[in-house]
């Protein structure tokens, strides 16, 4: 896992070309959904190691900096990493909401101190069957409850070729963003992921 201070370029170097690229992505997502604003978005990659979690964390930061109220959800219930990027405990999180009936009334959200309007929902304890949890009717209720609280809910999902989780979760949201790493992701993997 990379150093979180280096990974969150939108916070550490907000005037850098990389930070500007995330702001461009924010604008492109807004323009592409002008007729039907995005309320929930899944971010995935074709394979592990392509930087999807770092890309999503930076996107969440610029979305919140742009004035949207954002909840960033670690729905990678196989290899969660957002709690490490933001230096947050991971005892309770998405799995808590999926397992405990009363948890929806007070979801275990962590505020991101450096970014107004950004909250983090970590994964919590890892389940035995992540795909079943994410595909459940309870997950629909979790998504609806989170959407009532903010403008945008962003989900970090496992790589689409490694597990079915991203494909399952993608059917429950407004869109899916596929992260591709230049000179790393093979064209075949991108085609398969699509």
N, C-alpha and C. Protein backbone atom coordinates (compact mmCIF):
# COMPACT_ATOMS: atom_id res chain seq x y z
N UNK A 1 0.85 -1.18 0.00
CA UNK A 1 0.00 0.00 0.00
C UNK A 1 0.89 1.23 0.00
N UNK A 2 0.68 2.14 -0.93
CA UNK A 2 1.50 3.34 -0.99
C UNK A 2 1.24 4.26 0.20
N UNK A 3 2.19 5.13 0.47
CA UNK A 3 2.04 6.13 1.51
C UNK A 3 0.81 6.98 1.19
N UNK A 4 -0.11 7.10 2.16
CA UNK A 4 -1.36 7.82 1.89
C UNK A 4 -1.11 9.29 1.59
N UNK A 5 -0.08 9.86 2.16
CA UNK A 5 0.22 11.27 1.87
C UNK A 5 0.60 11.45 0.40
N UNK A 6 1.28 10.47 -0.17
CA UNK A 6 1.64 10.55 -1.59
C UNK A 6 0.46 10.17 -2.47
N UNK A 7 -0.34 9.21 -2.02
CA UNK A 7 -1.45 8.72 -2.83
C UNK A 7 -2.55 9.77 -2.99
N UNK A 8 -2.80 10.55 -1.95
CA UNK A 8 -3.86 11.55 -2.01
C UNK A 8 -3.31 12.87 -2.55
N UNK A 9 -2.95 12.83 -3.81
CA UNK A 9 -2.31 13.96 -4.49
C UNK A 9 -3.20 15.20 -4.52
N UNK A 10 -4.51 15.00 -4.50
CA UNK A 10 -5.43 16.12 -4.53
C UNK A 10 -5.39 16.93 -3.24
N UNK A 11 -4.89 16.31 -2.16
CA UNK A 11 -4.72 17.02 -0.90
C UNK A 11 -3.30 17.54 -0.73
N UNK A 12 -2.32 16.73 -1.10
CA UNK A 12 -0.93 17.11 -0.86
C UNK A 12 -0.36 18.07 -1.89
N UNK A 13 -0.82 17.95 -3.13
CA UNK A 13 -0.33 18.81 -4.22
C UNK A 13 -1.52 19.24 -5.08
N UNK A 14 -2.41 20.09 -4.53
CA UNK A 14 -3.65 20.43 -5.24
C UNK A 14 -3.46 21.18 -6.56
N UNK A 15 -2.27 21.74 -6.79
CA UNK A 15 -2.04 22.46 -8.05
C UNK A 15 -1.27 21.63 -9.06
N UNK A 16 -1.04 20.38 -8.76
CA UNK A 16 -0.26 19.52 -9.65
C UNK A 16 -1.10 19.11 -10.87
N UNK A 17 -0.43 18.70 -11.95
CA UNK A 17 -1.17 18.19 -13.12
C UNK A 17 -2.04 16.99 -12.78
N UNK A 18 -1.58 16.14 -11.87
CA UNK A 18 -2.39 14.97 -11.49
C UNK A 18 -3.68 15.39 -10.79
N UNK A 19 -3.57 16.35 -9.88
CA UNK A 19 -4.77 16.86 -9.20
C UNK A 19 -5.72 17.50 -10.20
N UNK A 20 -5.17 18.22 -11.15
CA UNK A 20 -6.01 18.84 -12.18
C UNK A 20 -6.71 17.77 -13.03
N UNK A 21 -6.04 16.65 -13.26
CA UNK A 21 -6.65 15.56 -14.02
C UNK A 21 -7.89 15.02 -13.28
N UNK A 22 -7.82 14.95 -11.96
CA UNK A 22 -9.00 14.50 -11.20
C UNK A 22 -10.13 15.53 -11.28
N UNK A 23 -9.79 16.81 -11.30
CA UNK A 23 -10.83 17.83 -11.45
C UNK A 23 -11.45 17.77 -12.86
N UNK A 24 -10.64 17.43 -13.85
CA UNK A 24 -11.17 17.24 -15.20
C UNK A 24 -12.12 16.05 -15.23
N UNK A 25 -11.75 14.98 -14.56
CA UNK A 25 -12.62 13.80 -14.47
C UNK A 25 -13.93 14.18 -13.79
N UNK A 26 -13.85 14.96 -12.72
CA UNK A 26 -15.07 15.43 -12.04
C UNK A 26 -15.97 16.18 -13.02
N UNK A 27 -15.38 17.08 -13.79
CA UNK A 27 -16.17 17.86 -14.76
C UNK A 27 -16.77 16.94 -15.83
N UNK A 28 -15.99 16.00 -16.33
CA UNK A 28 -16.49 15.09 -17.36
C UNK A 28 -17.64 14.23 -16.84
N UNK A 29 -17.54 13.77 -15.60
CA UNK A 29 -18.63 12.98 -15.03
C UNK A 29 -19.89 13.83 -14.87
N UNK A 30 -19.71 15.08 -14.48
CA UNK A 30 -20.86 15.98 -14.34
C UNK A 30 -21.52 16.25 -15.69
N UNK A 31 -20.70 16.48 -16.71
CA UNK A 31 -21.23 16.74 -18.04
C UNK A 31 -21.90 15.51 -18.64
N UNK A 32 -21.33 14.34 -18.39
CA UNK A 32 -21.89 13.11 -18.98
C UNK A 32 -23.21 12.71 -18.34
N UNK A 33 -23.48 13.26 -17.17
CA UNK A 33 -24.73 12.90 -16.49
C UNK A 33 -25.62 14.11 -16.27
N UNK A 34 -25.52 15.09 -17.15
CA UNK A 34 -26.28 16.33 -16.99
C UNK A 34 -27.79 16.08 -16.97
N UNK A 35 -28.27 15.16 -17.80
CA UNK A 35 -29.71 14.87 -17.86
C UNK A 35 -30.18 14.03 -16.68
N UNK A 36 -29.32 13.21 -16.15
CA UNK A 36 -29.64 12.33 -15.03
C UNK A 36 -28.44 12.33 -14.08
N UNK A 37 -28.41 13.25 -13.12
CA UNK A 37 -27.23 13.37 -12.24
C UNK A 37 -26.89 12.06 -11.53
N UNK A 38 -25.61 11.78 -11.45
CA UNK A 38 -25.14 10.59 -10.75
C UNK A 38 -25.41 10.73 -9.26
N UNK A 39 -26.02 9.73 -8.69
CA UNK A 39 -26.25 9.69 -7.24
C UNK A 39 -25.39 8.61 -6.61
N UNK A 40 -25.07 7.57 -7.40
CA UNK A 40 -24.24 6.46 -6.90
C UNK A 40 -23.41 5.93 -8.05
N UNK A 41 -22.12 5.73 -7.78
CA UNK A 41 -21.18 5.31 -8.81
C UNK A 41 -20.24 4.26 -8.23
N UNK A 42 -20.03 3.19 -9.00
CA UNK A 42 -19.06 2.15 -8.63
C UNK A 42 -17.77 2.40 -9.41
N UNK A 43 -16.64 2.29 -8.74
CA UNK A 43 -15.35 2.39 -9.40
C UNK A 43 -14.64 1.05 -9.24
N UNK A 44 -14.17 0.52 -10.36
CA UNK A 44 -13.49 -0.77 -10.38
C UNK A 44 -12.34 -0.71 -11.38
N UNK A 45 -11.64 -1.81 -11.51
CA UNK A 45 -10.58 -1.94 -12.51
C UNK A 45 -10.71 -3.34 -13.10
N UNK A 46 -9.92 -3.60 -14.12
CA UNK A 46 -9.96 -4.94 -14.71
C UNK A 46 -9.29 -5.95 -13.79
N UNK A 47 -8.12 -5.62 -13.30
CA UNK A 47 -7.33 -6.54 -12.49
C UNK A 47 -6.75 -5.80 -11.28
N UNK A 48 -6.24 -6.53 -10.30
CA UNK A 48 -5.62 -5.89 -9.14
C UNK A 48 -4.38 -5.07 -9.52
N UNK A 49 -4.07 -4.09 -8.69
CA UNK A 49 -2.85 -3.33 -8.86
C UNK A 49 -2.91 -2.22 -9.89
N UNK A 50 -4.11 -1.81 -10.29
CA UNK A 50 -4.23 -0.77 -11.31
C UNK A 50 -4.53 0.61 -10.73
N UNK A 51 -4.61 0.72 -9.41
CA UNK A 51 -4.77 2.02 -8.77
C UNK A 51 -6.19 2.51 -8.61
N UNK A 52 -7.18 1.62 -8.64
CA UNK A 52 -8.57 2.05 -8.58
C UNK A 52 -8.92 2.72 -7.25
N UNK A 53 -8.42 2.21 -6.15
CA UNK A 53 -8.76 2.78 -4.85
C UNK A 53 -8.15 4.17 -4.68
N UNK A 54 -6.94 4.34 -5.14
CA UNK A 54 -6.29 5.65 -5.07
C UNK A 54 -7.01 6.64 -5.99
N UNK A 55 -7.35 6.19 -7.18
CA UNK A 55 -8.08 7.05 -8.11
C UNK A 55 -9.43 7.45 -7.51
N UNK A 56 -10.13 6.51 -6.92
CA UNK A 56 -11.43 6.80 -6.33
C UNK A 56 -11.30 7.75 -5.15
N UNK A 57 -10.31 7.54 -4.30
CA UNK A 57 -10.11 8.42 -3.14
C UNK A 57 -9.87 9.86 -3.61
N UNK A 58 -9.04 10.03 -4.62
CA UNK A 58 -8.78 11.37 -5.14
C UNK A 58 -10.01 11.97 -5.82
N UNK A 59 -10.77 11.15 -6.52
CA UNK A 59 -12.01 11.62 -7.13
C UNK A 59 -12.98 12.08 -6.05
N UNK A 60 -13.10 11.32 -4.97
CA UNK A 60 -13.99 11.69 -3.87
C UNK A 60 -13.58 13.03 -3.27
N UNK A 61 -12.28 13.24 -3.12
CA UNK A 61 -11.79 14.51 -2.57
C UNK A 61 -12.19 15.68 -3.46
N UNK A 62 -11.95 15.57 -4.77
CA UNK A 62 -12.28 16.70 -5.64
C UNK A 62 -13.79 16.90 -5.78
N UNK A 63 -14.55 15.82 -5.71
CA UNK A 63 -16.02 15.96 -5.74
C UNK A 63 -16.48 16.76 -4.53
N UNK A 64 -15.95 16.42 -3.35
CA UNK A 64 -16.31 17.14 -2.13
C UNK A 64 -15.79 18.58 -2.17
N UNK A 65 -14.58 18.77 -2.67
CA UNK A 65 -14.04 20.13 -2.79
C UNK A 65 -14.88 20.97 -3.75
N UNK A 66 -15.54 20.32 -4.69
CA UNK A 66 -16.42 21.01 -5.64
C UNK A 66 -17.78 21.34 -5.06
N UNK A 67 -18.00 20.99 -3.81
CA UNK A 67 -19.24 21.36 -3.13
C UNK A 67 -20.26 20.26 -2.96
N UNK A 68 -19.99 19.07 -3.50
CA UNK A 68 -20.94 17.97 -3.32
C UNK A 68 -20.72 17.30 -1.97
N UNK A 69 -21.81 16.88 -1.36
CA UNK A 69 -21.71 16.07 -0.14
C UNK A 69 -21.53 14.63 -0.61
N UNK A 70 -20.42 14.00 -0.17
CA UNK A 70 -20.01 12.70 -0.70
C UNK A 70 -19.79 11.69 0.43
N UNK A 71 -20.28 10.47 0.20
CA UNK A 71 -19.90 9.34 1.05
C UNK A 71 -19.09 8.40 0.18
N UNK A 72 -17.89 8.10 0.62
CA UNK A 72 -16.98 7.17 -0.04
C UNK A 72 -17.09 5.84 0.69
N UNK A 73 -17.50 4.78 -0.02
CA UNK A 73 -17.77 3.48 0.59
C UNK A 73 -16.75 2.46 0.12
N UNK A 74 -16.12 1.79 1.05
CA UNK A 74 -15.20 0.70 0.69
C UNK A 74 -16.01 -0.58 0.56
N UNK A 75 -16.45 -0.85 -0.67
CA UNK A 75 -17.23 -2.07 -0.97
C UNK A 75 -16.32 -3.16 -1.53
N UNK A 76 -15.02 -2.98 -1.41
CA UNK A 76 -14.09 -4.06 -1.75
C UNK A 76 -13.98 -4.92 -0.51
N UNK A 77 -14.90 -5.87 -0.40
CA UNK A 77 -15.00 -6.71 0.80
C UNK A 77 -14.04 -7.88 0.77
N UNK A 78 -13.09 -7.85 -0.15
CA UNK A 78 -12.06 -8.87 -0.24
C UNK A 78 -10.70 -8.31 0.18
N UNK A 79 -10.38 -7.10 -0.30
CA UNK A 79 -9.10 -6.44 0.03
C UNK A 79 -9.35 -4.95 0.25
N UNK A 80 -10.03 -4.58 1.33
CA UNK A 80 -10.32 -3.17 1.56
C UNK A 80 -9.03 -2.38 1.82
N UNK A 81 -9.03 -1.12 1.36
CA UNK A 81 -7.82 -0.32 1.56
C UNK A 81 -8.11 1.15 1.89
N UNK A 82 -9.34 1.59 1.74
CA UNK A 82 -9.62 3.01 1.96
C UNK A 82 -9.36 3.44 3.40
N UNK A 83 -9.58 2.54 4.36
CA UNK A 83 -9.30 2.90 5.76
C UNK A 83 -7.82 3.20 5.95
N UNK A 84 -6.96 2.48 5.22
CA UNK A 84 -5.52 2.73 5.31
C UNK A 84 -5.16 4.06 4.64
N UNK A 85 -5.76 4.33 3.49
CA UNK A 85 -5.48 5.60 2.79
C UNK A 85 -5.84 6.81 3.64
N UNK A 86 -6.96 6.71 4.37
CA UNK A 86 -7.43 7.85 5.15
C UNK A 86 -7.07 7.74 6.64
N UNK A 87 -6.36 6.67 7.03
CA UNK A 87 -5.95 6.52 8.43
C UNK A 87 -7.11 6.40 9.39
N UNK A 88 -8.09 5.56 9.03
CA UNK A 88 -9.31 5.40 9.81
C UNK A 88 -9.44 3.96 10.30
N UNK A 89 -9.95 3.74 11.51
CA UNK A 89 -10.19 2.36 11.98
C UNK A 89 -11.20 1.65 11.07
N UNK A 90 -11.16 0.33 11.08
CA UNK A 90 -12.03 -0.45 10.20
C UNK A 90 -12.83 -1.51 10.97
N UNK A 91 -13.18 -1.23 12.22
CA UNK A 91 -13.94 -2.21 12.99
C UNK A 91 -15.38 -2.33 12.53
N UNK A 92 -15.98 -1.20 12.16
CA UNK A 92 -17.38 -1.16 11.73
C UNK A 92 -17.43 -0.47 10.38
N UNK A 93 -18.38 -0.88 9.56
CA UNK A 93 -18.49 -0.26 8.24
C UNK A 93 -19.65 -0.82 7.43
N UNK A 94 -19.43 -0.99 6.14
CA UNK A 94 -20.48 -1.47 5.24
C UNK A 94 -21.04 -2.81 5.69
N UNK A 95 -20.20 -3.73 6.08
CA UNK A 95 -20.67 -5.05 6.50
C UNK A 95 -21.54 -4.93 7.74
N UNK A 96 -21.22 -3.99 8.62
CA UNK A 96 -22.06 -3.74 9.79
C UNK A 96 -23.46 -3.34 9.36
N UNK A 97 -23.54 -2.46 8.36
CA UNK A 97 -24.86 -2.03 7.85
C UNK A 97 -25.61 -3.19 7.22
N UNK A 98 -24.89 -4.08 6.58
CA UNK A 98 -25.53 -5.22 5.92
C UNK A 98 -25.97 -6.29 6.92
N UNK A 99 -25.28 -6.39 8.05
CA UNK A 99 -25.57 -7.45 9.02
C UNK A 99 -26.52 -7.04 10.14
N UNK A 100 -26.49 -5.77 10.54
CA UNK A 100 -27.25 -5.34 11.71
C UNK A 100 -28.44 -4.47 11.29
N UNK A 101 -29.64 -4.88 11.65
CA UNK A 101 -30.86 -4.19 11.24
C UNK A 101 -30.90 -2.74 11.71
N UNK A 102 -30.45 -2.46 12.92
CA UNK A 102 -30.54 -1.11 13.48
C UNK A 102 -29.42 -0.19 13.01
N UNK A 103 -28.42 -0.72 12.33
CA UNK A 103 -27.25 0.07 11.95
C UNK A 103 -27.58 1.18 10.96
N UNK A 104 -28.63 1.02 10.16
CA UNK A 104 -28.96 2.04 9.16
C UNK A 104 -29.38 3.36 9.79
N UNK A 105 -29.87 3.34 11.02
CA UNK A 105 -30.30 4.58 11.66
C UNK A 105 -29.10 5.46 12.02
N UNK A 106 -27.95 4.86 12.25
CA UNK A 106 -26.74 5.63 12.57
C UNK A 106 -25.53 4.94 11.95
N UNK A 107 -25.35 5.08 10.61
CA UNK A 107 -24.24 4.40 9.95
C UNK A 107 -22.89 4.87 10.51
N UNK A 108 -21.92 3.95 10.60
CA UNK A 108 -20.61 4.28 11.17
C UNK A 108 -19.73 5.06 10.18
N UNK A 109 -20.11 6.30 9.91
CA UNK A 109 -19.39 7.13 8.96
C UNK A 109 -18.28 7.90 9.67
N UNK A 110 -17.15 8.02 9.00
CA UNK A 110 -16.03 8.80 9.53
C UNK A 110 -15.87 10.04 8.67
N UNK A 111 -15.78 11.18 9.31
CA UNK A 111 -15.52 12.42 8.57
C UNK A 111 -14.06 12.47 8.18
N UNK A 112 -13.78 13.03 7.02
CA UNK A 112 -12.41 13.21 6.58
C UNK A 112 -12.03 14.64 6.96
N UNK A 113 -11.16 14.77 7.95
CA UNK A 113 -10.86 16.07 8.57
C UNK A 113 -10.40 17.10 7.55
N UNK A 114 -9.61 16.69 6.58
CA UNK A 114 -9.03 17.64 5.63
C UNK A 114 -10.02 18.11 4.57
N UNK A 115 -11.18 17.42 4.46
CA UNK A 115 -12.10 17.71 3.35
C UNK A 115 -13.52 17.84 3.87
N UNK A 116 -14.02 19.08 3.84
CA UNK A 116 -15.40 19.30 4.21
C UNK A 116 -16.31 18.59 3.20
N UNK A 117 -17.41 18.06 3.67
CA UNK A 117 -18.42 17.38 2.84
C UNK A 117 -18.04 15.96 2.44
N UNK A 118 -16.92 15.41 2.95
CA UNK A 118 -16.54 14.04 2.59
C UNK A 118 -16.58 13.16 3.83
N UNK A 119 -17.31 12.04 3.71
CA UNK A 119 -17.38 11.04 4.77
C UNK A 119 -16.95 9.69 4.20
N UNK A 120 -16.41 8.86 5.07
CA UNK A 120 -15.92 7.54 4.67
C UNK A 120 -16.69 6.46 5.41
N UNK A 121 -17.14 5.46 4.65
CA UNK A 121 -17.71 4.25 5.23
C UNK A 121 -16.76 3.12 4.87
N UNK A 122 -16.02 2.65 5.86
CA UNK A 122 -15.06 1.58 5.61
C UNK A 122 -15.81 0.27 5.37
N UNK A 123 -15.07 -0.78 5.08
CA UNK A 123 -15.70 -2.08 4.81
C UNK A 123 -16.22 -2.73 6.08
N UNK A 124 -15.51 -2.56 7.18
CA UNK A 124 -15.84 -3.30 8.39
C UNK A 124 -15.31 -4.71 8.26
N UNK A 125 -15.74 -5.62 9.16
CA UNK A 125 -15.23 -7.00 9.13
C UNK A 125 -15.60 -7.70 7.83
N UNK A 126 -14.67 -8.49 7.30
CA UNK A 126 -14.88 -9.12 6.00
C UNK A 126 -15.83 -10.31 6.09
N UNK A 127 -16.81 -10.38 5.19
CA UNK A 127 -17.78 -11.48 5.21
C UNK A 127 -17.23 -12.72 4.50
N UNK A 128 -17.92 -13.84 4.69
CA UNK A 128 -17.53 -15.08 4.03
C UNK A 128 -17.89 -15.06 2.54
N UNK A 129 -19.00 -14.41 2.20
CA UNK A 129 -19.48 -14.39 0.81
C UNK A 129 -19.78 -12.94 0.39
N UNK A 130 -18.75 -12.18 -0.02
CA UNK A 130 -18.96 -10.78 -0.38
C UNK A 130 -19.98 -10.57 -1.49
N UNK A 131 -19.97 -11.40 -2.51
CA UNK A 131 -20.90 -11.22 -3.63
C UNK A 131 -22.35 -11.34 -3.17
N UNK A 132 -22.62 -12.29 -2.30
CA UNK A 132 -23.99 -12.45 -1.79
C UNK A 132 -24.40 -11.23 -0.96
N UNK A 133 -23.48 -10.69 -0.17
CA UNK A 133 -23.79 -9.50 0.64
C UNK A 133 -24.11 -8.31 -0.27
N UNK A 134 -23.28 -8.09 -1.29
CA UNK A 134 -23.46 -6.94 -2.17
C UNK A 134 -24.68 -7.09 -3.07
N UNK A 135 -25.07 -8.32 -3.36
CA UNK A 135 -26.22 -8.56 -4.22
C UNK A 135 -27.54 -8.66 -3.48
N UNK A 136 -27.50 -8.52 -2.18
CA UNK A 136 -28.70 -8.72 -1.36
C UNK A 136 -29.68 -7.55 -1.44
N UNK A 137 -30.92 -7.83 -1.06
CA UNK A 137 -31.93 -6.77 -0.97
C UNK A 137 -31.54 -5.77 0.12
N UNK A 138 -30.84 -6.24 1.12
CA UNK A 138 -30.37 -5.35 2.19
C UNK A 138 -29.42 -4.29 1.62
N UNK A 139 -28.60 -4.66 0.63
CA UNK A 139 -27.68 -3.70 0.02
C UNK A 139 -28.46 -2.59 -0.68
N UNK A 140 -29.59 -2.92 -1.28
CA UNK A 140 -30.44 -1.90 -1.89
C UNK A 140 -30.89 -0.88 -0.84
N UNK A 141 -31.24 -1.37 0.35
CA UNK A 141 -31.66 -0.48 1.44
C UNK A 141 -30.51 0.38 1.93
N UNK A 142 -29.32 -0.20 1.99
CA UNK A 142 -28.14 0.55 2.41
C UNK A 142 -27.86 1.68 1.42
N UNK A 143 -27.89 1.36 0.14
CA UNK A 143 -27.64 2.37 -0.89
C UNK A 143 -28.67 3.50 -0.78
N UNK A 144 -29.94 3.16 -0.66
CA UNK A 144 -31.00 4.16 -0.55
C UNK A 144 -30.81 5.03 0.69
N UNK A 145 -30.46 4.43 1.81
CA UNK A 145 -30.25 5.18 3.05
C UNK A 145 -29.07 6.14 2.93
N UNK A 146 -27.99 5.70 2.30
CA UNK A 146 -26.82 6.56 2.13
C UNK A 146 -27.14 7.71 1.17
N UNK A 147 -27.88 7.43 0.10
CA UNK A 147 -28.21 8.46 -0.88
C UNK A 147 -29.07 9.57 -0.27
N UNK A 148 -29.87 9.23 0.74
CA UNK A 148 -30.70 10.26 1.39
C UNK A 148 -29.86 11.27 2.15
N UNK A 149 -28.64 10.88 2.51
CA UNK A 149 -27.81 11.74 3.35
C UNK A 149 -26.90 12.69 2.56
N UNK A 150 -26.61 12.34 1.29
CA UNK A 150 -25.62 13.11 0.53
C UNK A 150 -26.03 13.27 -0.93
N UNK A 151 -25.18 13.98 -1.68
CA UNK A 151 -25.42 14.16 -3.11
C UNK A 151 -24.91 12.99 -3.93
N UNK A 152 -23.83 12.36 -3.46
CA UNK A 152 -23.16 11.32 -4.24
C UNK A 152 -22.58 10.25 -3.34
N UNK A 153 -22.80 8.99 -3.70
CA UNK A 153 -22.19 7.86 -2.99
C UNK A 153 -21.26 7.16 -3.97
N UNK A 154 -19.99 7.06 -3.59
CA UNK A 154 -18.97 6.43 -4.44
C UNK A 154 -18.55 5.11 -3.80
N UNK A 155 -18.60 4.03 -4.60
CA UNK A 155 -18.27 2.70 -4.10
C UNK A 155 -16.97 2.20 -4.72
N UNK A 156 -16.05 1.77 -3.87
CA UNK A 156 -14.83 1.10 -4.32
C UNK A 156 -15.15 -0.39 -4.37
N UNK A 157 -15.06 -1.00 -5.54
CA UNK A 157 -15.38 -2.42 -5.71
C UNK A 157 -14.14 -3.19 -6.15
N UNK A 158 -14.11 -4.50 -5.90
CA UNK A 158 -12.97 -5.31 -6.34
C UNK A 158 -12.82 -5.29 -7.86
N UNK A 159 -11.64 -5.62 -8.35
CA UNK A 159 -11.44 -5.71 -9.81
C UNK A 159 -12.46 -6.65 -10.43
N UNK A 160 -13.00 -6.25 -11.56
CA UNK A 160 -14.12 -6.96 -12.18
C UNK A 160 -13.73 -8.34 -12.71
N UNK A 161 -12.48 -8.54 -13.10
CA UNK A 161 -12.07 -9.85 -13.59
C UNK A 161 -11.68 -10.80 -12.46
N UNK A 162 -11.50 -10.27 -11.27
CA UNK A 162 -11.10 -11.10 -10.13
C UNK A 162 -12.30 -11.63 -9.35
N UNK A 163 -13.42 -10.92 -9.41
CA UNK A 163 -14.61 -11.30 -8.64
C UNK A 163 -15.85 -10.70 -9.30
N UNK A 164 -17.00 -11.26 -9.00
CA UNK A 164 -18.26 -10.78 -9.58
C UNK A 164 -18.83 -9.58 -8.85
N UNK A 165 -18.22 -9.18 -7.75
CA UNK A 165 -18.76 -8.14 -6.88
C UNK A 165 -19.06 -6.84 -7.62
N UNK A 166 -18.12 -6.35 -8.43
CA UNK A 166 -18.31 -5.08 -9.13
C UNK A 166 -19.48 -5.16 -10.11
N UNK A 167 -19.60 -6.28 -10.81
CA UNK A 167 -20.70 -6.44 -11.76
C UNK A 167 -22.05 -6.47 -11.04
N UNK A 168 -22.09 -7.15 -9.91
CA UNK A 168 -23.33 -7.21 -9.11
C UNK A 168 -23.69 -5.84 -8.58
N UNK A 169 -22.73 -5.16 -7.99
CA UNK A 169 -22.97 -3.83 -7.42
C UNK A 169 -23.30 -2.81 -8.52
N UNK A 170 -22.70 -2.99 -9.69
CA UNK A 170 -22.94 -2.08 -10.80
C UNK A 170 -24.39 -2.03 -11.25
N UNK A 171 -25.13 -3.11 -11.03
CA UNK A 171 -26.55 -3.14 -11.42
C UNK A 171 -27.42 -2.32 -10.47
N UNK A 172 -26.87 -1.91 -9.33
CA UNK A 172 -27.64 -1.22 -8.31
C UNK A 172 -27.40 0.29 -8.27
N UNK A 173 -26.51 0.77 -9.13
CA UNK A 173 -26.12 2.19 -9.09
C UNK A 173 -26.33 2.84 -10.46
N UNK A 174 -26.00 4.14 -10.53
CA UNK A 174 -26.22 4.89 -11.77
C UNK A 174 -25.14 4.69 -12.81
N UNK A 175 -23.96 4.25 -12.40
CA UNK A 175 -22.88 4.09 -13.37
C UNK A 175 -21.69 3.35 -12.78
N UNK A 176 -20.82 2.92 -13.68
CA UNK A 176 -19.59 2.22 -13.30
C UNK A 176 -18.43 2.91 -14.02
N UNK A 177 -17.39 3.22 -13.28
CA UNK A 177 -16.18 3.82 -13.84
C UNK A 177 -15.08 2.77 -13.79
N UNK A 178 -14.51 2.47 -14.94
CA UNK A 178 -13.44 1.47 -15.04
C UNK A 178 -12.09 2.19 -15.07
N UNK A 179 -11.25 1.92 -14.09
CA UNK A 179 -9.91 2.51 -14.02
C UNK A 179 -8.96 1.63 -14.82
N UNK A 180 -8.21 2.25 -15.70
CA UNK A 180 -7.24 1.55 -16.54
C UNK A 180 -5.88 2.22 -16.33
N UNK A 181 -4.86 1.45 -16.02
CA UNK A 181 -3.53 2.01 -15.82
C UNK A 181 -2.75 1.95 -17.12
N UNK A 182 -2.31 3.11 -17.58
CA UNK A 182 -1.54 3.19 -18.83
C UNK A 182 -0.29 2.33 -18.74
N UNK A 183 0.01 1.63 -19.83
CA UNK A 183 1.18 0.78 -19.96
C UNK A 183 1.20 -0.38 -18.96
N UNK A 184 0.05 -0.68 -18.37
CA UNK A 184 -0.03 -1.78 -17.42
C UNK A 184 -1.21 -2.71 -17.73
N UNK A 185 -2.38 -2.10 -17.92
CA UNK A 185 -3.58 -2.89 -18.19
C UNK A 185 -3.56 -3.36 -19.64
N UNK A 186 -3.77 -4.65 -19.83
CA UNK A 186 -3.76 -5.16 -21.20
C UNK A 186 -5.08 -4.84 -21.90
N UNK A 187 -5.01 -4.69 -23.20
CA UNK A 187 -6.20 -4.41 -24.00
C UNK A 187 -7.22 -5.54 -23.84
N UNK A 188 -6.76 -6.78 -23.78
CA UNK A 188 -7.67 -7.91 -23.59
C UNK A 188 -8.42 -7.80 -22.27
N UNK A 189 -7.72 -7.41 -21.20
CA UNK A 189 -8.36 -7.27 -19.91
C UNK A 189 -9.42 -6.16 -19.94
N UNK A 190 -9.12 -5.07 -20.61
CA UNK A 190 -10.10 -3.98 -20.72
C UNK A 190 -11.34 -4.47 -21.45
N UNK A 191 -11.16 -5.20 -22.54
CA UNK A 191 -12.30 -5.73 -23.31
C UNK A 191 -13.11 -6.70 -22.46
N UNK A 192 -12.43 -7.59 -21.74
CA UNK A 192 -13.14 -8.54 -20.89
C UNK A 192 -13.90 -7.83 -19.77
N UNK A 193 -13.27 -6.81 -19.17
CA UNK A 193 -13.89 -6.09 -18.09
C UNK A 193 -15.12 -5.34 -18.57
N UNK A 194 -15.02 -4.77 -19.76
CA UNK A 194 -16.16 -4.04 -20.34
C UNK A 194 -17.32 -4.98 -20.60
